[in-house]
Amino acid sequence: MNHQYVKNVVEASLLAAGRPLTVEELMSVFDERDGSIADEIKGALASLTAEYETRGLELLEVASGFRIQIRAAVAQPVSRLWQERPAKYSRALLETLALIAYRQPITRGEIEQIRGVAVNPNIIKTLHERNWIRVVGHRDVPGKPELLGTTREFLDYFSLKKLDDLPTLAQLKELEDLRVQLTLPGAEAQVLTDPEPSLDAAADLEPTDDDEEPSAESSGPRAQGLVASGAQDDST
């Protein structure tokens, strides 16, 4: 099959889907679905990745497959196409999400021990509604508390292919007012500061009425997909 034709179909499919597509899903749009077309699709993906290097778009592989998205460098001007108030996020929600991401599986009680305050149910509810966290089991202690972990959608949202792609604690950029201990009582203390760029995208969360923590305005839009985040995420 003609390489240019395969590349055009792959590119059009990624643009039209509005979500990540796997190689298998891309194969389904072709009449031929044997191993040779899979190799041609992978070649087309590699070619598109190289072609986008100097453009305002990038082709990225995330947990759910491949997607074409706006580069972070041009996300700010592109976001002006959508007239909306700057989104806000609470520090408490971001801290809770970070603890789940880095310490999973973790219980709500353990999160409260680390942060030193009760976790408002609205935080956990919002993270569940976003499908960023899920129950992965239960701690074998009295009460059988739920163990929380992140989801594939969490990885997709923050442009990660796997959990190992999260920044290490040594790589995290220090935020002026956000420092969360990531170890449970009795363990050596570590400090979490704001990852760059992954968890910073949590600024796109709508305001939540969680606990005592103040909220802060988002510093910019997330560079995810061809549609700005505000057009994709309806306020609740």
C-alpha atoms as a PDB file:
ATOM      1  CA  MET A   1       0.000   0.000   0.000  1.00  0.00           C
ATOM      2  CA  ASN A   2       1.258   3.494  -0.817  1.00  0.00           C
ATOM      3  CA  HIS A   3       3.136   4.985   2.146  1.00  0.00           C
ATOM      4  CA  GLN A   4       1.804   8.490   1.592  1.00  0.00           C
ATOM      5  CA  TYR A   5      -1.771   7.190   1.476  1.00  0.00           C
ATOM      6  CA  VAL A   6      -1.316   5.252   4.722  1.00  0.00           C
ATOM      7  CA  LYS A   7       0.207   8.308   6.373  1.00  0.00           C
ATOM      8  CA  ASN A   8      -2.675  10.528   5.218  1.00  0.00           C
ATOM      9  CA  VAL A   9      -5.277   8.074   6.522  1.00  0.00           C
ATOM     10  CA  VAL A  10      -3.490   7.694   9.856  1.00  0.00           C
ATOM     11  CA  GLU A  11      -3.198  11.467  10.272  1.00  0.00           C
ATOM     12  CA  ALA A  12      -6.839  12.059   9.350  1.00  0.00           C
ATOM     13  CA  SER A  13      -7.987   9.306  11.711  1.00  0.00           C
ATOM     14  CA  LEU A  14      -6.056  10.764  14.648  1.00  0.00           C
ATOM     15  CA  LEU A  15      -7.436  14.227  13.960  1.00  0.00           C
ATOM     16  CA  ALA A  16     -11.010  12.988  13.561  1.00  0.00           C
ATOM     17  CA  ALA A  17     -11.070  10.648  16.559  1.00  0.00           C
ATOM     18  CA  GLY A  18     -10.548  13.308  19.221  1.00  0.00           C
ATOM     19  CA  ARG A  19      -8.963  10.669  21.470  1.00  0.00           C
ATOM     20  CA  PRO A  20      -5.883   8.443  21.449  1.00  0.00           C
ATOM     21  CA  LEU A  21      -5.955   5.524  19.004  1.00  0.00           C
ATOM     22  CA  THR A  22      -3.994   2.295  19.219  1.00  0.00           C
ATOM     23  CA  VAL A  23      -2.272   0.687  16.238  1.00  0.00           C
ATOM     24  CA  GLU A  24      -5.022  -1.947  16.256  1.00  0.00           C
ATOM     25  CA  GLU A  25      -7.699   0.733  16.044  1.00  0.00           C
ATOM     26  CA  LEU A  26      -5.847   2.433  13.203  1.00  0.00           C
ATOM     27  CA  MET A  27      -5.642  -0.915  11.421  1.00  0.00           C
ATOM     28  CA  SER A  28      -9.432  -1.180  11.524  1.00  0.00           C
ATOM     29  CA  VAL A  29      -9.861   1.749   9.110  1.00  0.00           C
ATOM     30  CA  PHE A  30      -7.991  -0.104   6.351  1.00  0.00           C
ATOM     31  CA  ASP A  31      -9.310  -2.957   4.237  1.00  0.00           C
ATOM     32  CA  GLU A  32      -6.087  -4.899   4.731  1.00  0.00           C
ATOM     33  CA  ARG A  33      -5.534  -5.849   8.374  1.00  0.00           C
ATOM     34  CA  ASP A  34      -2.547  -8.176   8.304  1.00  0.00           C
ATOM     35  CA  GLY A  35       0.874  -7.698   9.789  1.00  0.00           C
ATOM     36  CA  SER A  36       2.146  -5.693   6.853  1.00  0.00           C
ATOM     37  CA  ILE A  37      -0.374  -2.891   7.373  1.00  0.00           C
ATOM     38  CA  ALA A  38       0.591  -2.749  11.058  1.00  0.00           C
ATOM     39  CA  ASP A  39       4.210  -2.147  10.044  1.00  0.00           C
ATOM     40  CA  GLU A  40       3.126   0.519   7.544  1.00  0.00           C
ATOM     41  CA  ILE A  41       1.046   2.270  10.224  1.00  0.00           C
ATOM     42  CA  LYS A  42       4.004   2.293  12.601  1.00  0.00           C
ATOM     43  CA  GLY A  43       6.126   3.742   9.809  1.00  0.00           C
ATOM     44  CA  ALA A  44       3.489   6.404   9.154  1.00  0.00           C
ATOM     45  CA  LEU A  45       3.408   7.309  12.848  1.00  0.00           C
ATOM     46  CA  ALA A  46       7.186   7.685  12.872  1.00  0.00           C
ATOM     47  CA  SER A  47       7.073   9.881   9.758  1.00  0.00           C
ATOM     48  CA  LEU A  48       4.352  12.111  11.199  1.00  0.00           C
ATOM     49  CA  THR A  49       6.247  12.449  14.474  1.00  0.00           C
ATOM     50  CA  ALA A  50       9.294  13.692  12.578  1.00  0.00           C
ATOM     51  CA  GLU A  51       7.266  16.040  10.355  1.00  0.00           C
ATOM     52  CA  TYR A  52       5.597  17.662  13.366  1.00  0.00           C
ATOM     53  CA  GLU A  53       8.924  18.499  15.031  1.00  0.00           C
ATOM     54  CA  THR A  54       8.881  22.039  13.628  1.00  0.00           C
ATOM     55  CA  ARG A  55       5.120  22.597  13.786  1.00  0.00           C
ATOM     56  CA  GLY A  56       2.627  23.707  16.386  1.00  0.00           C
ATOM     57  CA  LEU A  57       1.343  20.146  16.740  1.00  0.00           C
ATOM     58  CA  GLU A  58       2.980  17.016  18.039  1.00  0.00           C
ATOM     59  CA  LEU A  59       2.185  13.326  17.755  1.00  0.00           C
ATOM     60  CA  LEU A  60       2.512  11.697  21.143  1.00  0.00           C
ATOM     61  CA  GLU A  61       2.057   8.167  22.447  1.00  0.00           C
ATOM     62  CA  VAL A  62       0.148   8.051  25.724  1.00  0.00           C
ATOM     63  CA  ALA A  63      -1.321   5.201  27.758  1.00  0.00           C
ATOM     64  CA  SER A  64      -4.346   4.703  25.476  1.00  0.00           C
ATOM     65  CA  GLY A  65      -2.522   5.014  22.168  1.00  0.00           C
ATOM     66  CA  PHE A  66      -1.365   7.794  19.848  1.00  0.00           C
ATOM     67  CA  ARG A  67      -2.827  11.276  19.563  1.00  0.00           C
ATOM     68  CA  ILE A  68      -2.130  14.576  17.835  1.00  0.00           C
ATOM     69  CA  GLN A  69      -2.104  17.511  20.222  1.00  0.00           C
ATOM     70  CA  ILE A  70      -1.174  21.174  20.477  1.00  0.00           C
ATOM     71  CA  ARG A  71       2.383  21.849  21.583  1.00  0.00           C
ATOM     72  CA  ALA A  72       2.689  23.509  24.969  1.00  0.00           C
ATOM     73  CA  ALA A  73       4.648  26.373  23.401  1.00  0.00           C
ATOM     74  CA  VAL A  74       1.604  27.523  21.408  1.00  0.00           C
ATOM     75  CA  ALA A  75      -1.188  26.460  23.765  1.00  0.00           C
ATOM     76  CA  GLN A  76      -1.551  29.910  25.355  1.00  0.00           C
ATOM     77  CA  PRO A  77      -2.405  31.865  22.163  1.00  0.00           C
ATOM     78  CA  VAL A  78      -4.563  29.022  20.817  1.00  0.00           C
ATOM     79  CA  SER A  79      -6.589  29.023  24.044  1.00  0.00           C
ATOM     80  CA  ARG A  80      -7.853  32.504  23.172  1.00  0.00           C
ATOM     81  CA  LEU A  81     -10.222  30.868  20.695  1.00  0.00           C
ATOM     82  CA  TRP A  82     -12.308  29.867  23.699  1.00  0.00           C
ATOM     83  CA  GLN A  83     -13.636  32.729  25.764  1.00  0.00           C
ATOM     84  CA  GLU A  84     -13.841  31.380  29.273  1.00  0.00           C
ATOM     85  CA  ARG A  85     -12.853  32.324  32.796  1.00  0.00           C
ATOM     86  CA  PRO A  86      -9.502  30.970  33.982  1.00  0.00           C
ATOM     87  CA  ALA A  87      -9.965  27.602  35.633  1.00  0.00           C
ATOM     88  CA  LYS A  88      -8.981  27.203  39.259  1.00  0.00           C
ATOM     89  CA  TYR A  89      -7.781  24.261  41.274  1.00  0.00           C
ATOM     90  CA  SER A  90      -7.417  23.757  44.981  1.00  0.00           C
ATOM     91  CA  ARG A  91      -4.063  22.998  46.515  1.00  0.00           C
ATOM     92  CA  ALA A  92      -5.735  20.273  48.565  1.00  0.00           C
ATOM     93  CA  LEU A  93      -6.968  18.478  45.452  1.00  0.00           C
ATOM     94  CA  LEU A  94      -3.596  18.696  43.736  1.00  0.00           C
ATOM     95  CA  GLU A  95      -1.820  17.393  46.843  1.00  0.00           C
ATOM     96  CA  THR A  96      -4.261  14.490  47.112  1.00  0.00           C
ATOM     97  CA  LEU A  97      -3.853  13.573  43.438  1.00  0.00           C
ATOM     98  CA  ALA A  98      -0.067  13.760  43.727  1.00  0.00           C
ATOM     99  CA  LEU A  99      -0.058  11.464  46.770  1.00  0.00           C
ATOM    100  CA  ILE A 100      -2.209   8.905  44.971  1.00  0.00           C
ATOM    101  CA  ALA A 101      -0.015   9.070  41.868  1.00  0.00           C
ATOM    102  CA  TYR A 102       3.284   8.688  43.694  1.00  0.00           C
ATOM    103  CA  ARG A 103       2.296   6.469  46.628  1.00  0.00           C
ATOM    104  CA  GLN A 104      -0.350   4.209  45.084  1.00  0.00           C
ATOM    105  CA  PRO A 105      -1.954   2.110  46.266  1.00  0.00           C
ATOM    106  CA  ILE A 106      -2.871   4.356  49.170  1.00  0.00           C
ATOM    107  CA  THR A 107      -5.910   4.707  51.430  1.00  0.00           C
ATOM    108  CA  ARG A 108      -7.772   7.891  52.214  1.00  0.00           C
ATOM    109  CA  GLY A 109      -6.707   7.530  55.830  1.00  0.00           C
ATOM    110  CA  GLU A 110      -3.042   7.407  54.847  1.00  0.00           C
ATOM    111  CA  ILE A 111      -3.498  10.545  52.741  1.00  0.00           C
ATOM    112  CA  GLU A 112      -5.012  12.269  55.784  1.00  0.00           C
ATOM    113  CA  GLN A 113      -2.100  11.144  57.973  1.00  0.00           C
ATOM    114  CA  ILE A 114       0.417  12.591  55.531  1.00  0.00           C
ATOM    115  CA  ARG A 115      -1.397  15.897  54.946  1.00  0.00           C
ATOM    116  CA  GLY A 116      -2.452  16.299  58.557  1.00  0.00           C
ATOM    117  CA  VAL A 117      -6.038  17.267  57.667  1.00  0.00           C
ATOM    118  CA  ALA A 118      -9.185  15.405  56.714  1.00  0.00           C
ATOM    119  CA  VAL A 119      -9.776  14.864  53.004  1.00  0.00           C
ATOM    120  CA  ASN A 120     -13.066  16.402  51.982  1.00  0.00           C
ATOM    121  CA  PRO A 121     -15.241  13.809  50.173  1.00  0.00           C
ATOM    122  CA  ASN A 122     -15.652  16.297  47.291  1.00  0.00           C
ATOM    123  CA  ILE A 123     -11.986  15.869  46.404  1.00  0.00           C
ATOM    124  CA  ILE A 124     -12.229  12.101  46.042  1.00  0.00           C
ATOM    125  CA  LYS A 125     -15.578  12.482  44.270  1.00  0.00           C
ATOM    126  CA  THR A 126     -14.124  14.928  41.736  1.00  0.00           C
ATOM    127  CA  LEU A 127     -11.134  12.693  41.025  1.00  0.00           C
ATOM    128  CA  HIS A 128     -13.457   9.709  40.549  1.00  0.00           C
ATOM    129  CA  GLU A 129     -15.733  11.733  38.254  1.00  0.00           C
ATOM    130  CA  ARG A 130     -12.732  12.716  36.163  1.00  0.00           C
ATOM    131  CA  ASN A 131     -11.895   9.009  36.060  1.00  0.00           C
ATOM    132  CA  TRP A 132      -8.384   9.850  37.210  1.00  0.00           C
ATOM    133  CA  ILE A 133      -8.457   7.506  40.203  1.00  0.00           C
ATOM    134  CA  ARG A 134     -10.027   4.138  40.916  1.00  0.00           C
ATOM    135  CA  VAL A 135     -10.328   1.604  43.726  1.00  0.00           C
ATOM    136  CA  VAL A 136      -7.645  -1.036  43.160  1.00  0.00           C
ATOM    137  CA  GLY A 137      -8.267  -3.120  46.277  1.00  0.00           C
ATOM    138  CA  HIS A 138      -8.742  -2.959  50.027  1.00  0.00           C
ATOM    139  CA  ARG A 139      -6.172  -2.734  52.836  1.00  0.00           C
ATOM    140  CA  ASP A 140      -6.196  -5.895  54.972  1.00  0.00           C
ATOM    141  CA  VAL A 141      -6.890  -4.047  58.219  1.00  0.00           C
ATOM    142  CA  PRO A 142     -10.066  -3.531  60.271  1.00  0.00           C
ATOM    143  CA  GLY A 143     -12.628  -1.694  58.163  1.00  0.00           C
ATOM    144  CA  LYS A 144     -10.998  -2.832  54.891  1.00  0.00           C
ATOM    145  CA  PRO A 145     -10.349   0.740  53.630  1.00  0.00           C
ATOM    146  CA  GLU A 146     -10.249   1.246  49.877  1.00  0.00           C
ATOM    147  CA  LEU A 147      -6.878   1.392  48.164  1.00  0.00           C
ATOM    148  CA  LEU A 148      -6.723   4.169  45.563  1.00  0.00           C
ATOM    149  CA  GLY A 149      -4.675   4.241  42.379  1.00  0.00           C
ATOM    150  CA  THR A 150      -4.580   6.206  39.151  1.00  0.00           C
ATOM    151  CA  THR A 151      -6.203   5.243  35.857  1.00  0.00           C
ATOM    152  CA  ARG A 152      -5.257   5.115  32.185  1.00  0.00           C
ATOM    153  CA  GLU A 153      -7.237   8.338  31.726  1.00  0.00           C
ATOM    154  CA  PHE A 154      -4.979  10.016  34.304  1.00  0.00           C
ATOM    155  CA  LEU A 155      -1.948   9.048  32.231  1.00  0.00           C
ATOM    156  CA  ASP A 156      -3.607  10.247  29.027  1.00  0.00           C
ATOM    157  CA  TYR A 157      -4.547  13.608  30.516  1.00  0.00           C
ATOM    158  CA  PHE A 158      -1.022  14.309  31.705  1.00  0.00           C
ATOM    159  CA  SER A 159       0.525  13.025  28.444  1.00  0.00           C
ATOM    160  CA  LEU A 160       2.145  10.006  30.072  1.00  0.00           C
ATOM    161  CA  LYS A 161       2.560   6.553  28.567  1.00  0.00           C
ATOM    162  CA  LYS A 162       3.154   4.779  31.886  1.00  0.00           C
ATOM    163  CA  LEU A 163       3.594   5.602  35.571  1.00  0.00           C
ATOM    164  CA  ASP A 164       7.350   5.302  35.197  1.00  0.00           C
ATOM    165  CA  ASP A 165       7.169   8.453  33.041  1.00  0.00           C
ATOM    166  CA  LEU A 166       6.170  10.543  36.059  1.00  0.00           C
ATOM    167  CA  PRO A 167       8.992  12.884  37.077  1.00  0.00           C
ATOM    168  CA  THR A 168      11.149  11.551  39.875  1.00  0.00           C
ATOM    169  CA  LEU A 169      11.175  13.466  43.121  1.00  0.00           C
ATOM    170  CA  ALA A 170      14.665  14.695  42.280  1.00  0.00           C
ATOM    171  CA  GLN A 171      13.373  16.164  39.014  1.00  0.00           C
ATOM    172  CA  LEU A 172      10.406  17.988  40.456  1.00  0.00           C
ATOM    173  CA  LYS A 173      10.424  21.769  40.300  1.00  0.00           C
ATOM    174  CA  GLU A 174       9.908  23.469  43.651  1.00  0.00           C
ATOM    175  CA  LEU A 175       6.694  25.427  44.092  1.00  0.00           C
ATOM    176  CA  GLU A 176       6.722  28.336  46.483  1.00  0.00           C
ATOM    177  CA  ASP A 177       3.805  27.179  48.583  1.00  0.00           C
ATOM    178  CA  LEU A 178       3.256  23.474  47.803  1.00  0.00           C
ATOM    179  CA  ARG A 179       5.266  20.829  49.651  1.00  0.00           C
ATOM    180  CA  VAL A 180       3.715  17.465  50.387  1.00  0.00           C
ATOM    181  CA  GLN A 181       5.446  14.666  52.287  1.00  0.00           C
ATOM    182  CA  LEU A 182       5.202  11.503  50.279  1.00  0.00           C
ATOM    183  CA  THR A 183       6.219   8.935  52.883  1.00  0.00           C
ATOM    184  CA  LEU A 184       3.943   7.444  55.455  1.00  0.00           C
ATOM    185  CA  PRO A 185       4.609   7.871  59.194  1.00  0.00           C
ATOM    186  CA  GLY A 186       7.699   5.947  60.287  1.00  0.00           C
ATOM    187  CA  ALA A 187       9.388   6.165  56.902  1.00  0.00           C
ATOM    188  CA  GLU A 188      12.055   8.590  55.784  1.00  0.00           C
ATOM    189  CA  ALA A 189      10.390  11.850  54.777  1.00  0.00           C
ATOM    190  CA  GLN A 190      10.485  13.045  51.187  1.00  0.00           C
ATOM    191  CA  VAL A 191       9.091  16.230  49.727  1.00  0.00           C
ATOM    192  CA  LEU A 192       6.853  16.566  46.697  1.00  0.00           C
ATOM    193  CA  THR A 193       6.880  19.785  44.789  1.00  0.00           C
ATOM    194  CA  ASP A 194       5.070  20.582  41.596  1.00  0.00           C
ATOM    195  CA  PRO A 195       6.101  18.305  38.702  1.00  0.00           C
ATOM    196  CA  GLU A 196       6.966  20.021  35.480  1.00  0.00           C
ATOM    197  CA  PRO A 197       5.027  19.726  33.322  1.00  0.00           C
ATOM    198  CA  SER A 198       2.754  16.802  34.193  1.00  0.00           C
ATOM    199  CA  LEU A 199       0.849  17.553  37.392  1.00  0.00           C
ATOM    200  CA  ASP A 200       0.835  21.260  36.623  1.00  0.00           C
ATOM    201  CA  ALA A 201      -1.927  20.468  34.145  1.00  0.00           C
ATOM    202  CA  ALA A 202      -4.236  19.930  37.112  1.00  0.00           C
ATOM    203  CA  ALA A 203      -4.779  23.681  36.919  1.00  0.00           C
ATOM    204  CA  ASP A 204      -7.510  22.849  34.433  1.00  0.00           C
ATOM    205  CA  LEU A 205      -9.742  21.463  37.174  1.00  0.00           C
ATOM    206  CA  GLU A 206     -12.834  23.509  37.862  1.00  0.00           C
ATOM    207  CA  PRO A 207     -13.079  24.958  41.383  1.00  0.00           C
ATOM    208  CA  THR A 208     -14.045  22.441  44.033  1.00  0.00           C
ATOM    209  CA  ASP A 209     -15.439  23.060  47.472  1.00  0.00           C
ATOM    210  CA  ASP A 210     -12.971  20.837  49.295  1.00  0.00           C
ATOM    211  CA  ASP A 211     -11.161  21.418  52.567  1.00  0.00           C
ATOM    212  CA  GLU A 212      -9.378  24.307  54.181  1.00  0.00           C
ATOM    213  CA  GLU A 213      -6.847  24.878  51.430  1.00  0.00           C
ATOM    214  CA  PRO A 214      -7.069  28.064  49.328  1.00  0.00           C
ATOM    215  CA  SER A 215      -7.432  27.861  45.561  1.00  0.00           C
ATOM    216  CA  ALA A 216      -5.137  29.295  42.920  1.00  0.00           C
ATOM    217  CA  GLU A 217      -5.690  30.338  39.334  1.00  0.00           C
ATOM    218  CA  SER A 218      -4.442  28.215  36.525  1.00  0.00           C
ATOM    219  CA  SER A 219      -1.221  29.399  34.927  1.00  0.00           C
ATOM    220  CA  GLY A 220      -2.285  28.262  31.473  1.00  0.00           C
ATOM    221  CA  PRO A 221      -4.231  25.742  29.404  1.00  0.00           C
ATOM    222  CA  ARG A 222      -3.216  22.154  28.956  1.00  0.00           C
ATOM    223  CA  ALA A 223      -1.815  21.314  25.554  1.00  0.00           C
ATOM    224  CA  GLN A 224      -3.974  18.275  25.000  1.00  0.00           C
ATOM    225  CA  GLY A 225      -5.690  17.448  21.726  1.00  0.00           C
ATOM    226  CA  LEU A 226      -6.796  19.857  19.038  1.00  0.00           C
ATOM    227  CA  VAL A 227      -9.545  21.285  21.208  1.00  0.00           C
ATOM    228  CA  ALA A 228      -8.673  23.495  24.153  1.00  0.00           C
ATOM    229  CA  SER A 229      -9.389  21.977  27.526  1.00  0.00           C
ATOM    230  CA  GLY A 230     -12.247  24.295  28.298  1.00  0.00           C
ATOM    231  CA  ALA A 231     -14.107  23.157  25.205  1.00  0.00           C
ATOM    232  CA  GLN A 232     -13.711  19.528  26.225  1.00  0.00           C
ATOM    233  CA  ASP A 233     -14.367  19.699  29.956  1.00  0.00           C
ATOM    234  CA  ASP A 234     -17.841  20.838  30.888  1.00  0.00           C
ATOM    235  CA  SER A 235     -18.221  22.527  34.230  1.00  0.00           C
ATOM    236  CA  THR A 236     -20.069  20.519  36.798  1.00  0.00           C
END
